[in-house]
Amino acid sequence: MLVIGDLKCLHCGHSSGRWVGPKGAPLTAAGLRPLPPGRDPAEHIRCGRCQGPVYLDDAMPVASSYRLRRIQRMRDQLAAFDAPRPKRGRAA
């Protein structure tokens, strides 16, 4: 599951941006949206103002539109499969 949230500094409270990534993953530059130029994706994120440690604030799950469309398509297929079928008469 993906989560999205604001990056806030523990020292000065400055908001360093938004982060998107897998639940429980470490905060790396690869998850920054948008990724600043010249940042190494494996580099851990620090505050842009005071270089202090950051935390993920207001984290919430991301529901991708692709996944929602896929779930709806599967539900439609199951409903069509379970729908009563018209009885056919026997050909004479």
C-alpha atoms as a PDB file:
ATOM      1  CA  MET A   1       0.000   0.000   0.000  1.00  0.00           C
ATOM      2  CA  LEU A   2       1.263   3.480  -0.851  1.00  0.00           C
ATOM      3  CA  VAL A   3       1.089   6.387   1.578  1.00  0.00           C
ATOM      4  CA  ILE A   4       1.447  10.126   1.013  1.00  0.00           C
ATOM      5  CA  GLY A   5       2.230  12.821   3.545  1.00  0.00           C
ATOM      6  CA  ASP A   6       4.003  16.083   4.307  1.00  0.00           C
ATOM      7  CA  LEU A   7       7.630  16.093   5.445  1.00  0.00           C
ATOM      8  CA  LYS A   8       8.074  18.256   8.541  1.00  0.00           C
ATOM      9  CA  CYS A   9      11.266  19.063  10.427  1.00  0.00           C
ATOM     10  CA  LEU A  10      11.497  17.942  14.046  1.00  0.00           C
ATOM     11  CA  HIS A  11      13.645  20.965  14.952  1.00  0.00           C
ATOM     12  CA  CYS A  12      12.157  24.001  13.179  1.00  0.00           C
ATOM     13  CA  GLY A  13       8.783  22.707  11.896  1.00  0.00           C
ATOM     14  CA  HIS A  14       9.579  23.669   8.273  1.00  0.00           C
ATOM     15  CA  SER A  15       7.646  21.693   5.635  1.00  0.00           C
ATOM     16  CA  SER A  16      10.172  20.205   3.172  1.00  0.00           C
ATOM     17  CA  GLY A  17       7.634  18.877   0.667  1.00  0.00           C
ATOM     18  CA  ARG A  18       5.480  15.823   0.065  1.00  0.00           C
ATOM     19  CA  TRP A  19       6.562  12.201   0.095  1.00  0.00           C
ATOM     20  CA  VAL A  20       4.955   9.167  -1.585  1.00  0.00           C
ATOM     21  CA  GLY A  21       6.126   5.615  -0.990  1.00  0.00           C
ATOM     22  CA  PRO A  22       5.351   2.170   0.380  1.00  0.00           C
ATOM     23  CA  LYS A  23       4.032   1.904   3.928  1.00  0.00           C
ATOM     24  CA  GLY A  24       6.889   1.357   6.380  1.00  0.00           C
ATOM     25  CA  ALA A  25       9.636   2.288   3.891  1.00  0.00           C
ATOM     26  CA  PRO A  26      12.430   4.652   4.994  1.00  0.00           C
ATOM     27  CA  LEU A  27      12.102   8.275   3.892  1.00  0.00           C
ATOM     28  CA  THR A  28      14.468   8.571   0.920  1.00  0.00           C
ATOM     29  CA  ALA A  29      14.749  11.221  -1.783  1.00  0.00           C
ATOM     30  CA  ALA A  30      13.190   8.793  -4.304  1.00  0.00           C
ATOM     31  CA  GLY A  31       9.782   9.369  -2.714  1.00  0.00           C
ATOM     32  CA  LEU A  32       9.905  13.184  -2.839  1.00  0.00           C
ATOM     33  CA  ARG A  33       7.317  14.796  -5.090  1.00  0.00           C
ATOM     34  CA  PRO A  34       8.696  16.503  -7.107  1.00  0.00           C
ATOM     35  CA  LEU A  35      12.233  15.134  -6.796  1.00  0.00           C
ATOM     36  CA  PRO A  36      14.714  18.034  -6.543  1.00  0.00           C
ATOM     37  CA  PRO A  37      17.454  17.988  -9.220  1.00  0.00           C
ATOM     38  CA  GLY A  38      20.828  16.677  -8.092  1.00  0.00           C
ATOM     39  CA  ARG A  39      19.477  14.588  -5.171  1.00  0.00           C
ATOM     40  CA  ASP A  40      20.626  10.998  -4.867  1.00  0.00           C
ATOM     41  CA  PRO A  41      17.472   8.819  -4.592  1.00  0.00           C
ATOM     42  CA  ALA A  42      19.126   6.669  -1.905  1.00  0.00           C
ATOM     43  CA  GLU A  43      19.962   9.739   0.206  1.00  0.00           C
ATOM     44  CA  HIS A  44      17.961  10.163   3.398  1.00  0.00           C
ATOM     45  CA  ILE A  45      15.915  13.336   3.563  1.00  0.00           C
ATOM     46  CA  ARG A  46      16.886  16.239   5.818  1.00  0.00           C
ATOM     47  CA  CYS A  47      15.225  19.621   6.402  1.00  0.00           C
ATOM     48  CA  GLY A  48      15.905  22.151   3.652  1.00  0.00           C
ATOM     49  CA  ARG A  49      16.240  24.985   6.163  1.00  0.00           C
ATOM     50  CA  CYS A  50      18.245  23.639   9.126  1.00  0.00           C
ATOM     51  CA  GLN A  51      19.292  20.117   7.934  1.00  0.00           C
ATOM     52  CA  GLY A  52      17.406  18.611  10.886  1.00  0.00           C
ATOM     53  CA  PRO A  53      15.608  15.242  10.840  1.00  0.00           C
ATOM     54  CA  VAL A  54      12.164  15.079   9.246  1.00  0.00           C
ATOM     55  CA  TYR A  55       9.055  13.022   9.898  1.00  0.00           C
ATOM     56  CA  LEU A  56       6.011  12.137   7.810  1.00  0.00           C
ATOM     57  CA  ASP A  57       3.048  14.240   8.922  1.00  0.00           C
ATOM     58  CA  ASP A  58      -0.610  13.651   7.971  1.00  0.00           C
ATOM     59  CA  ALA A  59       0.165  10.342   6.254  1.00  0.00           C
ATOM     60  CA  MET A  60      -2.766   8.786   4.406  1.00  0.00           C
ATOM     61  CA  PRO A  61      -3.171   5.874   1.997  1.00  0.00           C
ATOM     62  CA  VAL A  62      -3.083   6.564  -1.738  1.00  0.00           C
ATOM     63  CA  ALA A  63      -5.879   5.093  -3.809  1.00  0.00           C
ATOM     64  CA  SER A  64      -4.669   4.929  -7.397  1.00  0.00           C
ATOM     65  CA  SER A  65      -7.277   5.424 -10.100  1.00  0.00           C
ATOM     66  CA  TYR A  66      -5.903   2.413 -12.004  1.00  0.00           C
ATOM     67  CA  ARG A  67      -6.493   0.141  -9.013  1.00  0.00           C
ATOM     68  CA  LEU A  68     -10.007   1.508  -8.438  1.00  0.00           C
ATOM     69  CA  ARG A  69     -10.917   0.974 -12.117  1.00  0.00           C
ATOM     70  CA  ARG A  70      -9.572  -2.588 -11.947  1.00  0.00           C
ATOM     71  CA  ILE A  71     -11.639  -3.350  -8.838  1.00  0.00           C
ATOM     72  CA  GLN A  72     -14.774  -1.916 -10.476  1.00  0.00           C
ATOM     73  CA  ARG A  73     -14.152  -3.984 -13.635  1.00  0.00           C
ATOM     74  CA  MET A  74     -13.798  -7.155 -11.524  1.00  0.00           C
ATOM     75  CA  ARG A  75     -17.022  -6.361  -9.651  1.00  0.00           C
ATOM     76  CA  ASP A  76     -18.852  -5.861 -12.964  1.00  0.00           C
ATOM     77  CA  GLN A  77     -17.546  -9.195 -14.248  1.00  0.00           C
ATOM     78  CA  LEU A  78     -18.669 -10.992 -11.070  1.00  0.00           C
ATOM     79  CA  ALA A  79     -22.107  -9.368 -11.257  1.00  0.00           C
ATOM     80  CA  ALA A  80     -22.477 -10.448 -14.904  1.00  0.00           C
ATOM     81  CA  PHE A  81     -21.394 -13.980 -14.005  1.00  0.00           C
ATOM     82  CA  ASP A  82     -23.896 -14.211 -11.126  1.00  0.00           C
ATOM     83  CA  ALA A  83     -26.791 -12.656 -13.063  1.00  0.00           C
ATOM     84  CA  PRO A  84     -29.637 -15.059 -13.917  1.00  0.00           C
ATOM     85  CA  ARG A  85     -29.464 -16.238 -17.486  1.00  0.00           C
ATOM     86  CA  PRO A  86     -32.563 -16.446 -19.664  1.00  0.00           C
ATOM     87  CA  LYS A  87     -33.848 -19.969 -20.235  1.00  0.00           C
ATOM     88  CA  ARG A  88     -33.629 -21.174 -23.775  1.00  0.00           C
ATOM     89  CA  GLY A  89     -36.333 -23.235 -25.352  1.00  0.00           C
ATOM     90  CA  ARG A  90     -35.575 -26.498 -27.004  1.00  0.00           C
ATOM     91  CA  ALA A  91     -35.251 -26.433 -30.760  1.00  0.00           C
ATOM     92  CA  ALA A  92     -37.805 -28.609 -32.464  1.00  0.00           C
END
